[in-house]
């Protein structure tokens, strides 16, 4: 995850177009990526 966070599919997810608010909490400042299942406990889904 750390090695790929700057490009490819991770960058496309981070910059998902058309978001009116954060899909998780509803704030108006998306722009990062959150792991639904935490990668510390589920590294296979990183």
ModelCIF file with pLDDT and N, C-alpha, C, O atoms, coordinates in Angstrom:
data_MODEL
#
_entry.id   MODEL 
#
_entity.id                         1 
_entity.type                       polymer 
_entity.pdbx_number_of_molecules   1 
#
_entity_poly.entity_id                      1 
_entity_poly.type                           'polypeptide(L)' 
_entity_poly.nstd_linkage                   no 
_entity_poly.nstd_monomer                   no 
_entity_poly.pdbx_seq_one_letter_code       
;(UNK)(UNK)(UNK)(UNK)(UNK)(UNK)(UNK)(UNK)(UNK)(UNK)(UNK)(UNK)(UNK)(UNK)(UNK)(UNK)
(UNK)(UNK)(UNK)(UNK)(UNK)(UNK)(UNK)(UNK)(UNK)(UNK)(UNK)(UNK)(UNK)(UNK)(UNK)(UNK)
(UNK)(UNK)(UNK)(UNK)(UNK)(UNK)(UNK)(UNK)(UNK)(UNK)(UNK)(UNK)(UNK)(UNK)
;
_entity_poly.pdbx_seq_one_letter_code_can   XXXXXXXXXXXXXXXXXXXXXXXXXXXXXXXXXXXXXXXXXXXXXX 
_entity_poly.pdbx_strand_id                 A 
#
loop_
_entity_poly_seq.entity_id 
_entity_poly_seq.num 
_entity_poly_seq.mon_id 
_entity_poly_seq.hetero 
1 1  UNK n 
1 2  UNK n 
1 3  UNK n 
1 4  UNK n 
1 5  UNK n 
1 6  UNK n 
1 7  UNK n 
1 8  UNK n 
1 9  UNK n 
1 10 UNK n 
1 11 UNK n 
1 12 UNK n 
1 13 UNK n 
1 14 UNK n 
1 15 UNK n 
1 16 UNK n 
1 17 UNK n 
1 18 UNK n 
1 19 UNK n 
1 20 UNK n 
1 21 UNK n 
1 22 UNK n 
1 23 UNK n 
1 24 UNK n 
1 25 UNK n 
1 26 UNK n 
1 27 UNK n 
1 28 UNK n 
1 29 UNK n 
1 30 UNK n 
1 31 UNK n 
1 32 UNK n 
1 33 UNK n 
1 34 UNK n 
1 35 UNK n 
1 36 UNK n 
1 37 UNK n 
1 38 UNK n 
1 39 UNK n 
1 40 UNK n 
1 41 UNK n 
1 42 UNK n 
1 43 UNK n 
1 44 UNK n 
1 45 UNK n 
1 46 UNK n 
#
_struct_asym.id          A 
_struct_asym.entity_id   1 
#
loop_
_ma_qa_metric.id 
_ma_qa_metric.mode 
_ma_qa_metric.name 
_ma_qa_metric.software_group_id 
_ma_qa_metric.type 
1 global pLDDT . pLDDT 
2 local  pLDDT . pLDDT 
#
_ma_qa_metric_global.metric_id      1 
_ma_qa_metric_global.metric_value   88.78 
_ma_qa_metric_global.model_id       1 
_ma_qa_metric_global.ordinal_id     1 
#
loop_
_ma_qa_metric_local.label_asym_id 
_ma_qa_metric_local.label_comp_id 
_ma_qa_metric_local.label_seq_id 
_ma_qa_metric_local.metric_id 
_ma_qa_metric_local.metric_value 
_ma_qa_metric_local.model_id 
_ma_qa_metric_local.ordinal_id 
A UNK 1  2 89.00 1 1  
A UNK 2  2 87.00 1 2  
A UNK 3  2 87.00 1 3  
A UNK 4  2 83.00 1 4  
A UNK 5  2 76.00 1 5  
A UNK 6  2 76.00 1 6  
A UNK 7  2 79.00 1 7  
A UNK 8  2 87.00 1 8  
A UNK 9  2 90.00 1 9  
A UNK 10 2 90.00 1 10 
A UNK 11 2 90.00 1 11 
A UNK 12 2 91.00 1 12 
A UNK 13 2 90.00 1 13 
A UNK 14 2 87.00 1 14 
A UNK 15 2 87.00 1 15 
A UNK 16 2 89.00 1 16 
A UNK 17 2 86.00 1 17 
A UNK 18 2 87.00 1 18 
A UNK 19 2 90.00 1 19 
A UNK 20 2 89.00 1 20 
A UNK 21 2 90.00 1 21 
A UNK 22 2 92.00 1 22 
A UNK 23 2 94.00 1 23 
A UNK 24 2 92.00 1 24 
A UNK 25 2 92.00 1 25 
A UNK 26 2 92.00 1 26 
A UNK 27 2 90.00 1 27 
A UNK 28 2 84.00 1 28 
A UNK 29 2 79.00 1 29 
A UNK 30 2 78.00 1 30 
A UNK 31 2 81.00 1 31 
A UNK 32 2 88.00 1 32 
A UNK 33 2 90.00 1 33 
A UNK 34 2 91.00 1 34 
A UNK 35 2 92.00 1 35 
A UNK 36 2 94.00 1 36 
A UNK 37 2 94.00 1 37 
A UNK 38 2 92.00 1 38 
A UNK 39 2 90.00 1 39 
A UNK 40 2 91.00 1 40 
A UNK 41 2 92.00 1 41 
A UNK 42 2 95.00 1 42 
A UNK 43 2 95.00 1 43 
A UNK 44 2 96.00 1 44 
A UNK 45 2 96.00 1 45 
A UNK 46 2 94.00 1 46 
#
loop_
_atom_site.group_PDB 
_atom_site.id 
_atom_site.type_symbol 
_atom_site.label_atom_id 
_atom_site.label_alt_id 
_atom_site.label_comp_id 
_atom_site.label_asym_id 
_atom_site.label_entity_id 
_atom_site.label_seq_id 
_atom_site.pdbx_PDB_ins_code 
_atom_site.Cartn_x 
_atom_site.Cartn_y 
_atom_site.Cartn_z 
_atom_site.occupancy 
_atom_site.B_iso_or_equiv 
_atom_site.pdbx_formal_charge 
_atom_site.auth_seq_id 
_atom_site.auth_comp_id 
_atom_site.auth_asym_id 
_atom_site.auth_atom_id 
_atom_site.pdbx_PDB_model_num 
ATOM 1   N N  . UNK A 1 1  ? 0.834   -1.202 0.000   1.00 89.00 ? 1  UNK A N  1 
ATOM 2   C CA . UNK A 1 1  ? 0.000   0.000  0.000   1.00 89.00 ? 1  UNK A CA 1 
ATOM 3   C C  . UNK A 1 1  ? 0.870   1.254  0.000   1.00 89.00 ? 1  UNK A C  1 
ATOM 4   O O  . UNK A 1 1  ? 0.624   2.187  -0.765  1.00 89.00 ? 1  UNK A O  1 
ATOM 5   N N  . UNK A 1 2  ? 1.879   1.273  0.854   1.00 87.00 ? 2  UNK A N  1 
ATOM 6   C CA . UNK A 1 2  ? 2.738   2.456  0.928   1.00 87.00 ? 2  UNK A CA 1 
ATOM 7   C C  . UNK A 1 2  ? 3.441   2.713  -0.401  1.00 87.00 ? 2  UNK A C  1 
ATOM 8   O O  . UNK A 1 2  ? 3.614   3.863  -0.806  1.00 87.00 ? 2  UNK A O  1 
ATOM 9   N N  . UNK A 1 3  ? 3.841   1.652  -1.069  1.00 87.00 ? 3  UNK A N  1 
ATOM 10  C CA . UNK A 1 3  ? 4.581   1.818  -2.319  1.00 87.00 ? 3  UNK A CA 1 
ATOM 11  C C  . UNK A 1 3  ? 3.694   2.212  -3.492  1.00 87.00 ? 3  UNK A C  1 
ATOM 12  O O  . UNK A 1 3  ? 4.186   2.722  -4.498  1.00 87.00 ? 3  UNK A O  1 
ATOM 13  N N  . UNK A 1 4  ? 2.390   1.980  -3.370  1.00 83.00 ? 4  UNK A N  1 
ATOM 14  C CA . UNK A 1 4  ? 1.474   2.265  -4.478  1.00 83.00 ? 4  UNK A CA 1 
ATOM 15  C C  . UNK A 1 4  ? 0.546   3.444  -4.207  1.00 83.00 ? 4  UNK A C  1 
ATOM 16  O O  . UNK A 1 4  ? -0.280  3.779  -5.056  1.00 83.00 ? 4  UNK A O  1 
ATOM 17  N N  . UNK A 1 5  ? 0.663   4.069  -3.063  1.00 76.00 ? 5  UNK A N  1 
ATOM 18  C CA . UNK A 1 5  ? -0.311  5.080  -2.660  1.00 76.00 ? 5  UNK A CA 1 
ATOM 19  C C  . UNK A 1 5  ? -0.293  6.327  -3.539  1.00 76.00 ? 5  UNK A C  1 
ATOM 20  O O  . UNK A 1 5  ? -1.258  7.092  -3.540  1.00 76.00 ? 5  UNK A O  1 
ATOM 21  N N  . UNK A 1 6  ? 0.795   6.546  -4.291  1.00 76.00 ? 6  UNK A N  1 
ATOM 22  C CA . UNK A 1 6  ? 0.896   7.760  -5.078  1.00 76.00 ? 6  UNK A CA 1 
ATOM 23  C C  . UNK A 1 6  ? 0.399   7.653  -6.500  1.00 76.00 ? 6  UNK A C  1 
ATOM 24  O O  . UNK A 1 6  ? 0.391   8.657  -7.212  1.00 76.00 ? 6  UNK A O  1 
ATOM 25  N N  . UNK A 1 7  ? -0.018  6.482  -6.948  1.00 79.00 ? 7  UNK A N  1 
ATOM 26  C CA . UNK A 1 7  ? -0.423  6.362  -8.343  1.00 79.00 ? 7  UNK A CA 1 
ATOM 27  C C  . UNK A 1 7  ? -1.379  5.211  -8.579  1.00 79.00 ? 7  UNK A C  1 
ATOM 28  O O  . UNK A 1 7  ? -1.828  4.556  -7.638  1.00 79.00 ? 7  UNK A O  1 
ATOM 29  N N  . UNK A 1 8  ? -1.688  4.968  -9.847  1.00 87.00 ? 8  UNK A N  1 
ATOM 30  C CA . UNK A 1 8  ? -2.525  3.846  -10.234 1.00 87.00 ? 8  UNK A CA 1 
ATOM 31  C C  . UNK A 1 8  ? -3.921  3.916  -9.649  1.00 87.00 ? 8  UNK A C  1 
ATOM 32  O O  . UNK A 1 8  ? -4.491  4.996  -9.495  1.00 87.00 ? 8  UNK A O  1 
ATOM 33  N N  . UNK A 1 9  ? -4.472  2.742  -9.321  1.00 90.00 ? 9  UNK A N  1 
ATOM 34  C CA . UNK A 1 9  ? -5.844  2.656  -8.843  1.00 90.00 ? 9  UNK A CA 1 
ATOM 35  C C  . UNK A 1 9  ? -6.018  3.374  -7.515  1.00 90.00 ? 9  UNK A C  1 
ATOM 36  O O  . UNK A 1 9  ? -7.088  3.926  -7.256  1.00 90.00 ? 9  UNK A O  1 
ATOM 37  N N  . UNK A 1 10 ? -4.985  3.381  -6.657  1.00 90.00 ? 10 UNK A N  1 
ATOM 38  C CA . UNK A 1 10 ? -5.113  4.070  -5.375  1.00 90.00 ? 10 UNK A CA 1 
ATOM 39  C C  . UNK A 1 10 ? -5.296  5.573  -5.572  1.00 90.00 ? 10 UNK A C  1 
ATOM 40  O O  . UNK A 1 10 ? -6.091  6.209  -4.880  1.00 90.00 ? 10 UNK A O  1 
ATOM 41  N N  . UNK A 1 11 ? -4.556  6.125  -6.517  1.00 90.00 ? 11 UNK A N  1 
ATOM 42  C CA . UNK A 1 11 ? -4.709  7.551  -6.788  1.00 90.00 ? 11 UNK A CA 1 
ATOM 43  C C  . UNK A 1 11 ? -6.081  7.844  -7.384  1.00 90.00 ? 11 UNK A C  1 
ATOM 44  O O  . UNK A 1 11 ? -6.680  8.873  -7.071  1.00 90.00 ? 11 UNK A O  1 
ATOM 45  N N  . UNK A 1 12 ? -6.584  6.966  -8.230  1.00 91.00 ? 12 UNK A N  1 
ATOM 46  C CA . UNK A 1 12 ? -7.907  7.175  -8.823  1.00 91.00 ? 12 UNK A CA 1 
ATOM 47  C C  . UNK A 1 12 ? -8.993  7.106  -7.758  1.00 91.00 ? 12 UNK A C  1 
ATOM 48  O O  . UNK A 1 12 ? -9.967  7.857  -7.814  1.00 91.00 ? 12 UNK A O  1 
ATOM 49  N N  . UNK A 1 13 ? -8.832  6.203  -6.780  1.00 90.00 ? 13 UNK A N  1 
ATOM 50  C CA . UNK A 1 13 ? -9.804  6.131  -5.683  1.00 90.00 ? 13 UNK A CA 1 
ATOM 51  C C  . UNK A 1 13 ? -9.735  7.406  -4.850  1.00 90.00 ? 13 UNK A C  1 
ATOM 52  O O  . UNK A 1 13 ? -10.764 7.983  -4.499  1.00 90.00 ? 13 UNK A O  1 
ATOM 53  N N  . UNK A 1 14 ? -8.533  7.834  -4.540  1.00 87.00 ? 14 UNK A N  1 
ATOM 54  C CA . UNK A 1 14 ? -8.354  9.038  -3.717  1.00 87.00 ? 14 UNK A CA 1 
ATOM 55  C C  . UNK A 1 14 ? -8.995  10.255 -4.386  1.00 87.00 ? 14 UNK A C  1 
ATOM 56  O O  . UNK A 1 14 ? -9.538  11.128 -3.709  1.00 87.00 ? 14 UNK A O  1 
ATOM 57  N N  . UNK A 1 15 ? -8.929  10.304 -5.697  1.00 87.00 ? 15 UNK A N  1 
ATOM 58  C CA . UNK A 1 15 ? -9.421  11.468 -6.435  1.00 87.00 ? 15 UNK A CA 1 
ATOM 59  C C  . UNK A 1 15 ? -10.750 11.168 -7.130  1.00 87.00 ? 15 UNK A C  1 
ATOM 60  O O  . UNK A 1 15 ? -11.037 11.720 -8.192  1.00 87.00 ? 15 UNK A O  1 
ATOM 61  N N  . UNK A 1 16 ? -11.552 10.296 -6.531  1.00 89.00 ? 16 UNK A N  1 
ATOM 62  C CA . UNK A 1 16 ? -12.855 9.968  -7.095  1.00 89.00 ? 16 UNK A CA 1 
ATOM 63  C C  . UNK A 1 16 ? -13.644 11.243 -7.396  1.00 89.00 ? 16 UNK A C  1 
ATOM 64  O O  . UNK A 1 16 ? -13.835 12.091 -6.524  1.00 89.00 ? 16 UNK A O  1 
ATOM 65  N N  . UNK A 1 17 ? -14.091 11.361 -8.626  1.00 86.00 ? 17 UNK A N  1 
ATOM 66  C CA . UNK A 1 17 ? -14.781 12.586 -9.052  1.00 86.00 ? 17 UNK A CA 1 
ATOM 67  C C  . UNK A 1 17 ? -16.235 12.603 -8.599  1.00 86.00 ? 17 UNK A C  1 
ATOM 68  O O  . UNK A 1 17 ? -16.858 11.558 -8.411  1.00 86.00 ? 17 UNK A O  1 
ATOM 69  N N  . UNK A 1 18 ? -16.760 13.812 -8.429  1.00 87.00 ? 18 UNK A N  1 
ATOM 70  C CA . UNK A 1 18 ? -18.186 13.985 -8.183  1.00 87.00 ? 18 UNK A CA 1 
ATOM 71  C C  . UNK A 1 18 ? -18.647 13.739 -6.762  1.00 87.00 ? 18 UNK A C  1 
ATOM 72  O O  . UNK A 1 18 ? -19.850 13.618 -6.527  1.00 87.00 ? 18 UNK A O  1 
ATOM 73  N N  . UNK A 1 19 ? -17.731 13.659 -5.803  1.00 90.00 ? 19 UNK A N  1 
ATOM 74  C CA . UNK A 1 19 ? -18.135 13.407 -4.427  1.00 90.00 ? 19 UNK A CA 1 
ATOM 75  C C  . UNK A 1 19 ? -18.677 14.691 -3.795  1.00 90.00 ? 19 UNK A C  1 
ATOM 76  O O  . UNK A 1 19 ? -17.967 15.694 -3.718  1.00 90.00 ? 19 UNK A O  1 
ATOM 77  N N  . UNK A 1 20 ? -19.918 14.660 -3.350  1.00 89.00 ? 20 UNK A N  1 
ATOM 78  C CA . UNK A 1 20 ? -20.499 15.814 -2.679  1.00 89.00 ? 20 UNK A CA 1 
ATOM 79  C C  . UNK A 1 20 ? -20.026 15.918 -1.233  1.00 89.00 ? 20 UNK A C  1 
ATOM 80  O O  . UNK A 1 20 ? -20.003 17.002 -0.650  1.00 89.00 ? 20 UNK A O  1 
ATOM 81  N N  . UNK A 1 21 ? -19.651 14.781 -0.667  1.00 90.00 ? 21 UNK A N  1 
ATOM 82  C CA . UNK A 1 21 ? -19.163 14.760 0.704   1.00 90.00 ? 21 UNK A CA 1 
ATOM 83  C C  . UNK A 1 21 ? -18.357 13.481 0.904   1.00 90.00 ? 21 UNK A C  1 
ATOM 84  O O  . UNK A 1 21 ? -18.317 12.616 0.029   1.00 90.00 ? 21 UNK A O  1 
ATOM 85  N N  . UNK A 1 22 ? -17.720 13.372 2.060   1.00 92.00 ? 22 UNK A N  1 
ATOM 86  C CA . UNK A 1 22 ? -16.965 12.168 2.388   1.00 92.00 ? 22 UNK A CA 1 
ATOM 87  C C  . UNK A 1 22 ? -17.914 10.975 2.442   1.00 92.00 ? 22 UNK A C  1 
ATOM 88  O O  . UNK A 1 22 ? -18.909 11.033 3.164   1.00 92.00 ? 22 UNK A O  1 
ATOM 89  N N  . UNK A 1 23 ? -17.646 9.895  1.708   1.00 94.00 ? 23 UNK A N  1 
ATOM 90  C CA . UNK A 1 23 ? -18.541 8.741  1.721   1.00 94.00 ? 23 UNK A CA 1 
ATOM 91  C C  . UNK A 1 23 ? -18.683 8.079  3.084   1.00 94.00 ? 23 UNK A C  1 
ATOM 92  O O  . UNK A 1 23 ? -19.671 7.389  3.339   1.00 94.00 ? 23 UNK A O  1 
ATOM 93  N N  . UNK A 1 24 ? -17.707 8.282  3.961   1.00 92.00 ? 24 UNK A N  1 
ATOM 94  C CA . UNK A 1 24 ? -17.762 7.658  5.274   1.00 92.00 ? 24 UNK A CA 1 
ATOM 95  C C  . UNK A 1 24 ? -18.478 8.516  6.309   1.00 92.00 ? 24 UNK A C  1 
ATOM 96  O O  . UNK A 1 24 ? -19.377 8.027  6.994   1.00 92.00 ? 24 UNK A O  1 
ATOM 97  N N  . UNK A 1 25 ? -18.095 9.797  6.438   1.00 92.00 ? 25 UNK A N  1 
ATOM 98  C CA . UNK A 1 25 ? -18.636 10.585 7.552   1.00 92.00 ? 25 UNK A CA 1 
ATOM 99  C C  . UNK A 1 25 ? -19.570 11.705 7.118   1.00 92.00 ? 25 UNK A C  1 
ATOM 100 O O  . UNK A 1 25 ? -20.365 12.174 7.933   1.00 92.00 ? 25 UNK A O  1 
ATOM 101 N N  . UNK A 1 26 ? -19.506 12.150 5.871   1.00 92.00 ? 26 UNK A N  1 
ATOM 102 C CA . UNK A 1 26 ? -20.388 13.216 5.415   1.00 92.00 ? 26 UNK A CA 1 
ATOM 103 C C  . UNK A 1 26 ? -19.786 14.603 5.446   1.00 92.00 ? 26 UNK A C  1 
ATOM 104 O O  . UNK A 1 26 ? -20.473 15.572 5.121   1.00 92.00 ? 26 UNK A O  1 
ATOM 105 N N  . UNK A 1 27 ? -18.500 14.734 5.832   1.00 90.00 ? 27 UNK A N  1 
ATOM 106 C CA . UNK A 1 27 ? -17.870 16.051 5.777   1.00 90.00 ? 27 UNK A CA 1 
ATOM 107 C C  . UNK A 1 27 ? -17.631 16.430 4.317   1.00 90.00 ? 27 UNK A C  1 
ATOM 108 O O  . UNK A 1 27 ? -17.799 15.605 3.418   1.00 90.00 ? 27 UNK A O  1 
ATOM 109 N N  . UNK A 1 28 ? -17.246 17.662 4.092   1.00 84.00 ? 28 UNK A N  1 
ATOM 110 C CA . UNK A 1 28 ? -17.079 18.122 2.715   1.00 84.00 ? 28 UNK A CA 1 
ATOM 111 C C  . UNK A 1 28 ? -15.621 18.177 2.293   1.00 84.00 ? 28 UNK A C  1 
ATOM 112 O O  . UNK A 1 28 ? -15.244 18.995 1.455   1.00 84.00 ? 28 UNK A O  1 
ATOM 113 N N  . UNK A 1 29 ? -14.799 17.308 2.871   1.00 79.00 ? 29 UNK A N  1 
ATOM 114 C CA . UNK A 1 29 ? -13.371 17.377 2.577   1.00 79.00 ? 29 UNK A CA 1 
ATOM 115 C C  . UNK A 1 29 ? -12.763 16.005 2.276   1.00 79.00 ? 29 UNK A C  1 
ATOM 116 O O  . UNK A 1 29 ? -11.818 15.606 2.957   1.00 79.00 ? 29 UNK A O  1 
ATOM 117 N N  . UNK A 1 30 ? -13.274 15.262 1.271   1.00 78.00 ? 30 UNK A N  1 
ATOM 118 C CA . UNK A 1 30 ? -12.578 14.028 0.882   1.00 78.00 ? 30 UNK A CA 1 
ATOM 119 C C  . UNK A 1 30 ? -11.231 14.360 0.257   1.00 78.00 ? 30 UNK A C  1 
ATOM 120 O O  . UNK A 1 30 ? -10.923 15.525 0.005   1.00 78.00 ? 30 UNK A O  1 
ATOM 121 N N  . UNK A 1 31 ? -10.448 13.351 0.013   1.00 81.00 ? 31 UNK A N  1 
ATOM 122 C CA . UNK A 1 31 ? -9.132  13.598 -0.582  1.00 81.00 ? 31 UNK A CA 1 
ATOM 123 C C  . UNK A 1 31 ? -8.076  12.628 -0.121  1.00 81.00 ? 31 UNK A C  1 
ATOM 124 O O  . UNK A 1 31 ? -6.934  12.704 -0.576  1.00 81.00 ? 31 UNK A O  1 
ATOM 125 N N  . UNK A 1 32 ? -8.425  11.707 0.779   1.00 88.00 ? 32 UNK A N  1 
ATOM 126 C CA . UNK A 1 32 ? -7.493  10.679 1.205   1.00 88.00 ? 32 UNK A CA 1 
ATOM 127 C C  . UNK A 1 32 ? -8.152  9.316  0.988   1.00 88.00 ? 32 UNK A C  1 
ATOM 128 O O  . UNK A 1 32 ? -9.237  9.222  0.416   1.00 88.00 ? 32 UNK A O  1 
ATOM 129 N N  . UNK A 1 33 ? -7.481  8.272  1.453   1.00 90.00 ? 33 UNK A N  1 
ATOM 130 C CA . UNK A 1 33 ? -8.030  6.919  1.363   1.00 90.00 ? 33 UNK A CA 1 
ATOM 131 C C  . UNK A 1 33 ? -8.108  6.324  2.766   1.00 90.00 ? 33 UNK A C  1 
ATOM 132 O O  . UNK A 1 33 ? -7.171  6.434  3.557   1.00 90.00 ? 33 UNK A O  1 
ATOM 133 N N  . UNK A 1 34 ? -9.234  5.698  3.054   1.00 91.00 ? 34 UNK A N  1 
ATOM 134 C CA . UNK A 1 34 ? -9.420  5.004  4.318   1.00 91.00 ? 34 UNK A CA 1 
ATOM 135 C C  . UNK A 1 34 ? -9.625  3.518  4.036   1.00 91.00 ? 34 UNK A C  1 
ATOM 136 O O  . UNK A 1 34 ? -10.324 3.153  3.091   1.00 91.00 ? 34 UNK A O  1 
ATOM 137 N N  . UNK A 1 35 ? -9.016  2.668  4.851   1.00 92.00 ? 35 UNK A N  1 
ATOM 138 C CA . UNK A 1 35 ? -9.239  1.226  4.737   1.00 92.00 ? 35 UNK A CA 1 
ATOM 139 C C  . UNK A 1 35 ? -10.499 0.868  5.524   1.00 92.00 ? 35 UNK A C  1 
ATOM 140 O O  . UNK A 1 35 ? -10.581 1.128  6.724   1.00 92.00 ? 35 UNK A O  1 
ATOM 141 N N  . UNK A 1 36 ? -11.472 0.276  4.847   1.00 94.00 ? 36 UNK A N  1 
ATOM 142 C CA . UNK A 1 36 ? -12.702 -0.109 5.550   1.00 94.00 ? 36 UNK A CA 1 
ATOM 143 C C  . UNK A 1 36 ? -12.370 -1.104 6.656   1.00 94.00 ? 36 UNK A C  1 
ATOM 144 O O  . UNK A 1 36 ? -12.691 -0.860 7.819   1.00 94.00 ? 36 UNK A O  1 
ATOM 145 N N  . UNK A 1 37 ? -11.733 -2.222 6.313   1.00 94.00 ? 37 UNK A N  1 
ATOM 146 C CA . UNK A 1 37 ? -11.161 -3.104 7.333   1.00 94.00 ? 37 UNK A CA 1 
ATOM 147 C C  . UNK A 1 37 ? -9.714  -2.675 7.517   1.00 94.00 ? 37 UNK A C  1 
ATOM 148 O O  . UNK A 1 37 ? -8.960  -2.642 6.544   1.00 94.00 ? 37 UNK A O  1 
ATOM 149 N N  . UNK A 1 38 ? -9.303  -2.344 8.740   1.00 92.00 ? 38 UNK A N  1 
ATOM 150 C CA . UNK A 1 38 ? -7.978  -1.744 8.964   1.00 92.00 ? 38 UNK A CA 1 
ATOM 151 C C  . UNK A 1 38 ? -6.842  -2.658 8.526   1.00 92.00 ? 38 UNK A C  1 
ATOM 152 O O  . UNK A 1 38 ? -6.847  -3.861 8.788   1.00 92.00 ? 38 UNK A O  1 
ATOM 153 N N  . UNK A 1 39 ? -5.866  -2.051 7.852   1.00 90.00 ? 39 UNK A N  1 
ATOM 154 C CA . UNK A 1 39 ? -4.765  -2.857 7.330   1.00 90.00 ? 39 UNK A CA 1 
ATOM 155 C C  . UNK A 1 39 ? -3.843  -3.358 8.421   1.00 90.00 ? 39 UNK A C  1 
ATOM 156 O O  . UNK A 1 39 ? -3.073  -4.289 8.183   1.00 90.00 ? 39 UNK A O  1 
ATOM 157 N N  . UNK A 1 40 ? -3.892  -2.782 9.593   1.00 91.00 ? 40 UNK A N  1 
ATOM 158 C CA . UNK A 1 40 ? -3.090  -3.323 10.698  1.00 91.00 ? 40 UNK A CA 1 
ATOM 159 C C  . UNK A 1 40 ? -3.584  -4.705 11.092  1.00 91.00 ? 40 UNK A C  1 
ATOM 160 O O  . UNK A 1 40 ? -2.789  -5.582 11.429  1.00 91.00 ? 40 UNK A O  1 
ATOM 161 N N  . UNK A 1 41 ? -4.885  -4.895 11.051  1.00 92.00 ? 41 UNK A N  1 
ATOM 162 C CA . UNK A 1 41 ? -5.453  -6.196 11.423  1.00 92.00 ? 41 UNK A CA 1 
ATOM 163 C C  . UNK A 1 41 ? -5.682  -7.088 10.210  1.00 92.00 ? 41 UNK A C  1 
ATOM 164 O O  . UNK A 1 41 ? -5.627  -8.313 10.322  1.00 92.00 ? 41 UNK A O  1 
ATOM 165 N N  . UNK A 1 42 ? -5.937  -6.488 9.060   1.00 95.00 ? 42 UNK A N  1 
ATOM 166 C CA . UNK A 1 42 ? -6.202  -7.244 7.836   1.00 95.00 ? 42 UNK A CA 1 
ATOM 167 C C  . UNK A 1 42 ? -5.217  -6.803 6.752   1.00 95.00 ? 42 UNK A C  1 
ATOM 168 O O  . UNK A 1 42 ? -5.635  -6.185 5.773   1.00 95.00 ? 42 UNK A O  1 
ATOM 169 N N  . UNK A 1 43 ? -3.942  -7.096 6.893   1.00 95.00 ? 43 UNK A N  1 
ATOM 170 C CA . UNK A 1 43 ? -2.960  -6.636 5.905   1.00 95.00 ? 43 UNK A CA 1 
ATOM 171 C C  . UNK A 1 43 ? -3.201  -7.192 4.508   1.00 95.00 ? 43 UNK A C  1 
ATOM 172 O O  . UNK A 1 43 ? -2.773  -6.597 3.519   1.00 95.00 ? 43 UNK A O  1 
ATOM 173 N N  . UNK A 1 44 ? -3.892  -8.343 4.424   1.00 96.00 ? 44 UNK A N  1 
ATOM 174 C CA . UNK A 1 44 ? -4.157  -8.946 3.116   1.00 96.00 ? 44 UNK A CA 1 
ATOM 175 C C  . UNK A 1 44 ? -5.087  -8.083 2.267   1.00 96.00 ? 44 UNK A C  1 
ATOM 176 O O  . UNK A 1 44 ? -5.166  -8.271 1.053   1.00 96.00 ? 44 UNK A O  1 
ATOM 177 N N  . UNK A 1 45 ? -5.799  -7.131 2.899   1.00 96.00 ? 45 UNK A N  1 
ATOM 178 C CA . UNK A 1 45 ? -6.693  -6.255 2.152   1.00 96.00 ? 45 UNK A CA 1 
ATOM 179 C C  . UNK A 1 45 ? -6.113  -4.854 1.991   1.00 96.00 ? 45 UNK A C  1 
ATOM 180 O O  . UNK A 1 45 ? -6.840  -3.909 1.684   1.00 96.00 ? 45 UNK A O  1 
ATOM 181 N N  . UNK A 1 46 ? -4.821  -4.722 2.195   1.00 94.00 ? 46 UNK A N  1 
ATOM 182 C CA . UNK A 1 46 ? -4.180  -3.404 2.124   1.00 94.00 ? 46 UNK A CA 1 
ATOM 183 C C  . UNK A 1 46 ? -4.356  -2.737 0.770   1.00 94.00 ? 46 UNK A C  1 
ATOM 184 O O  . UNK A 1 46 ? -3.872  -1.625 0.562   1.00 94.00 ? 46 UNK A O  1 
#
